[in-house]
Amino acid sequence: QVQLVESGGGLVQPGGSLRLSCAASGIDFSASAVNWYRRPPGQEREWVARITRFSGTQYLDSVKGRFTISRDNAKNTVYLQMNALRPEDTAVYYCNAVNSRNLSSWGQGTQVTVSS
């Protein structure tokens, strides 16, 4: 059974940093693309960043230059380093993995709150 567990969320002041982790099990992780999504309060879920199985990366325009997605296949973990955080980054952040057969799995989410 596929399991994705996010961690690293919390409360941070504007301009601060957080690093989210997504630990995967029950999946061929090295052959999977991984996405981060977020759901701001009262809004729809939006895609934030993606890392392919070959470590190619893509980002939502509003986070480019501030967020960095990376992966450690030896640890079956993907990271989202978030710098220069803004109040509008406040959201529940979700990890999503898509394997080589296009089967999609989701984590339970981790809350990020940016506030002074």
Protein backbone atom coordinates (compact mmCIF):
# COMPACT_ATOMS: atom_id res chain seq x y z
CA GLN A 1 0.00 0.00 0.00
CA VAL A 2 1.31 3.41 -1.00
CA GLN A 3 1.86 5.84 1.84
CA LEU A 4 3.03 9.44 1.60
CA VAL A 5 3.73 11.32 4.82
CA GLU A 6 4.34 15.07 4.80
CA SER A 7 6.12 16.87 7.62
CA GLY A 8 7.84 20.14 8.33
CA GLY A 9 4.91 22.53 8.34
CA GLY A 10 4.34 25.13 11.00
CA LEU A 11 4.01 28.80 11.82
CA VAL A 12 6.63 31.16 10.42
CA GLN A 13 6.96 34.92 10.12
CA PRO A 14 6.93 36.62 6.71
CA GLY A 15 10.35 36.34 5.13
CA GLY A 16 11.10 33.14 7.00
CA SER A 17 11.84 29.64 5.74
CA LEU A 18 10.50 26.14 6.12
CA ARG A 19 11.47 22.81 4.60
CA LEU A 20 8.70 20.33 3.93
CA SER A 21 9.42 16.63 3.55
CA CYS A 22 7.40 13.92 1.84
CA ALA A 23 8.42 10.40 2.82
CA ALA A 24 7.13 7.63 0.56
CA SER A 25 6.65 3.91 1.05
CA GLY A 26 4.99 1.14 -0.96
CA ILE A 27 5.89 2.80 -4.25
CA ASP A 28 8.69 2.56 -6.81
CA PHE A 29 9.83 5.98 -5.70
CA SER A 30 12.78 6.40 -8.04
CA ALA A 31 10.46 5.86 -11.03
CA SER A 32 7.84 8.32 -9.78
CA ALA A 33 7.30 11.99 -10.42
CA VAL A 34 6.36 13.96 -7.31
CA ASN A 35 4.32 17.12 -7.03
CA TRP A 36 3.58 19.53 -4.23
CA TYR A 37 0.14 21.10 -4.17
CA ARG A 38 -1.41 23.51 -1.70
CA ARG A 39 -4.89 24.57 -0.64
CA PRO A 40 -5.05 28.10 0.75
CA PRO A 41 -7.89 28.86 3.20
CA GLY A 42 -11.20 29.06 1.37
CA GLN A 43 -9.59 28.45 -2.02
CA GLU A 44 -9.16 25.63 -4.49
CA ARG A 45 -6.13 23.38 -4.42
CA GLU A 46 -3.30 24.57 -6.69
CA TRP A 47 -0.20 22.94 -8.02
CA VAL A 48 3.07 24.36 -6.64
CA ALA A 49 6.06 22.35 -7.89
CA ARG A 50 7.05 19.14 -9.61
CA ILE A 51 10.14 16.98 -9.80
CA THR A 52 10.43 14.26 -12.41
CA ARG A 53 12.08 10.88 -12.00
CA PHE A 54 15.12 12.45 -13.70
CA SER A 55 15.07 15.40 -11.25
CA GLY A 56 13.75 17.90 -13.75
CA THR A 57 11.82 20.62 -11.93
CA GLN A 58 8.94 22.99 -12.61
CA TYR A 59 7.37 25.67 -10.43
CA LEU A 60 4.30 27.81 -10.08
CA ASP A 61 5.27 31.31 -11.22
CA SER A 62 4.56 32.89 -7.84
CA VAL A 63 7.05 30.62 -6.05
CA LYS A 64 9.87 30.65 -8.61
CA GLY A 65 13.11 31.81 -7.04
CA ARG A 66 11.75 31.23 -3.53
CA PHE A 67 10.89 27.51 -3.44
CA THR A 68 13.15 24.60 -4.37
CA ILE A 69 11.98 21.03 -4.86
CA SER A 70 14.50 18.20 -4.56
CA ARG A 71 14.56 14.46 -4.04
CA ASP A 72 16.68 11.86 -2.27
CA ASN A 73 15.87 8.49 -3.81
CA ALA A 74 17.99 6.66 -1.25
CA LYS A 75 15.62 7.97 1.45
CA ASN A 76 12.44 7.80 -0.68
CA THR A 77 11.90 11.44 0.22
CA VAL A 78 11.10 14.65 -1.64
CA TYR A 79 11.71 18.06 -0.10
CA LEU A 80 10.27 21.49 -0.66
CA GLN A 81 12.55 24.23 0.61
CA MET A 82 10.49 27.40 1.01
CA ASN A 83 12.30 30.70 1.50
CA ALA A 84 11.11 34.30 1.66
CA LEU A 85 7.68 33.10 2.73
CA ARG A 86 4.71 35.41 2.31
CA PRO A 87 1.31 35.44 4.00
CA GLU A 88 -0.23 34.30 0.71
CA ASP A 89 1.81 31.07 0.97
CA THR A 90 -0.38 30.07 3.91
CA ALA A 91 -2.04 26.78 2.99
CA VAL A 92 -2.22 23.07 3.60
CA TYR A 93 0.56 21.56 1.50
CA TYR A 94 0.08 18.13 -0.05
CA CYS A 95 2.52 15.69 -1.59
CA ASN A 96 1.43 13.78 -4.69
CA ALA A 97 3.33 10.94 -6.33
CA VAL A 98 2.62 9.58 -9.81
CA ASN A 99 4.24 6.28 -10.67
CA SER A 100 5.30 4.93 -14.05
CA ARG A 101 1.76 3.59 -14.64
CA ASN A 102 0.26 7.03 -13.96
CA LEU A 103 -1.21 5.89 -10.66
CA SER A 104 -1.54 8.87 -8.32
CA SER A 105 -1.20 8.85 -4.54
CA TRP A 106 -1.65 11.65 -1.99
CA GLY A 107 -0.43 12.45 1.47
CA GLN A 108 -2.57 13.81 4.28
CA GLY A 109 -1.14 17.32 4.11
CA THR A 110 0.81 19.61 6.40
CA GLN A 111 -0.24 23.11 7.48
CA VAL A 112 1.97 26.08 6.68
CA THR A 113 1.01 29.40 8.24
CA VAL A 114 2.90 32.59 7.42
CA SER A 115 1.98 35.34 9.84
CA SER A 116 3.51 37.93 12.09
